[in-house]
Protein backbone atom coordinates (compact mmCIF):
# COMPACT_ATOMS: atom_id res chain seq x y z
CA MET A 1 -184.82 -177.46 47.20
CA THR A 2 -187.61 -179.17 45.24
CA THR A 3 -189.31 -182.37 46.41
CA CYS A 4 -191.49 -185.11 44.94
CA PRO A 5 -194.54 -186.45 46.80
CA ASP A 6 -193.49 -188.85 49.58
CA ASP A 7 -195.60 -191.70 48.19
CA ALA A 8 -194.18 -191.39 44.64
CA GLU A 9 -191.76 -194.17 43.73
CA VAL A 10 -189.36 -193.89 40.83
CA ARG A 11 -187.86 -196.87 39.00
CA ALA A 12 -184.09 -196.60 38.48
CA GLU A 13 -181.04 -198.60 37.41
CA VAL A 14 -177.93 -198.54 39.61
CA THR A 15 -175.04 -197.20 37.54
CA GLY A 16 -172.20 -196.79 40.04
CA PHE A 17 -170.91 -196.21 43.53
CA GLN A 18 -168.69 -193.78 45.40
CA THR A 19 -167.54 -193.22 48.98
CA VAL A 20 -168.02 -189.64 50.20
CA ASN A 21 -167.02 -188.61 53.73
CA GLY A 22 -167.15 -192.25 54.83
CA ASN A 23 -170.63 -192.80 53.36
CA SER A 24 -171.28 -195.28 50.54
CA ILE A 25 -173.32 -193.55 47.84
CA ALA A 26 -175.08 -195.21 44.90
CA PHE A 27 -175.90 -193.51 41.61
CA ALA A 28 -179.06 -194.58 39.80
CA SER A 29 -180.35 -193.54 36.39
CA THR A 30 -184.03 -192.62 35.97
CA LYS A 31 -186.01 -191.63 32.89
CA LYS A 32 -187.65 -188.57 34.44
CA HIS A 33 -185.04 -187.20 36.86
CA GLY A 34 -181.74 -188.29 35.31
CA THR A 35 -179.20 -189.45 37.88
CA VAL A 36 -180.41 -189.79 41.47
CA THR A 37 -178.11 -190.56 44.40
CA PHE A 38 -178.89 -192.45 47.60
CA LYS A 39 -176.90 -193.59 50.62
CA ILE A 40 -176.33 -197.28 51.15
CA SER A 41 -177.10 -197.14 54.85
CA ASP A 42 -179.73 -198.70 57.12
CA ASP A 43 -181.73 -195.46 57.30
CA VAL A 44 -182.05 -195.18 53.48
CA TRP A 45 -181.47 -198.57 51.80
CA SER A 46 -183.68 -201.57 52.59
CA GLY A 47 -182.45 -204.84 51.22
CA ASP A 48 -180.37 -207.88 52.07
CA GLY A 49 -176.91 -206.65 51.19
CA PRO A 50 -175.99 -203.65 49.07
CA PRO A 51 -177.43 -203.02 45.59
CA GLN A 52 -175.48 -204.23 42.57
CA LYS A 53 -174.46 -202.28 39.47
CA GLY A 54 -177.18 -202.78 36.84
CA GLU A 55 -179.82 -203.70 39.44
CA ILE A 56 -183.26 -202.10 39.16
CA VAL A 57 -184.31 -200.30 42.36
CA MET A 58 -187.24 -198.21 43.54
CA LEU A 59 -186.50 -194.76 44.92
CA SER A 60 -188.80 -192.45 46.88
CA LYS A 61 -188.86 -189.22 48.88
CA LEU A 62 -186.75 -187.45 46.24
CA SER A 63 -185.37 -184.00 46.90
CA ARG A 64 -183.63 -181.75 44.38
CA PHE A 65 -180.42 -180.06 45.46
CA ARG A 66 -178.00 -177.83 43.57
CA LYS A 67 -175.98 -180.89 42.51
CA GLY A 68 -179.02 -183.02 41.56
CA TRP A 69 -181.71 -185.34 42.90
CA ARG A 70 -181.31 -187.36 46.10
CA ALA A 71 -183.56 -190.19 47.35
CA SER A 72 -184.28 -190.51 51.07
CA THR A 73 -185.45 -194.12 50.70
CA ALA A 74 -184.43 -196.88 48.30
CA ARG A 75 -185.33 -200.55 47.96
CA ARG A 76 -184.95 -203.48 45.61
CA PHE A 77 -187.38 -203.84 42.70
CA VAL A 78 -189.75 -206.78 43.33
CA LEU A 79 -192.12 -208.72 41.09
CA ALA A 80 -195.14 -206.78 42.42
CA ASP A 81 -193.58 -203.59 40.98
CA GLU A 82 -194.11 -204.91 37.42
CA SER A 83 -197.79 -204.00 37.43
């Protein structure tokens, strides 16, 4: 397993959703890491309501697994992220 620094945030666009073993999973496209997945649960996602397809989000604490990258935290993109 490969990891990114915990303080590194990656900008991504939500491209789809899937339910796996009762967990809601979001797929997000990034420039550097390709597709990254994250759980839409209180311990990973912070936001009022679930993310929407096409929404820009910020991902962090990425880990690389055999099937691809996974984010341990995800949040909505805010205006302060523009700079």
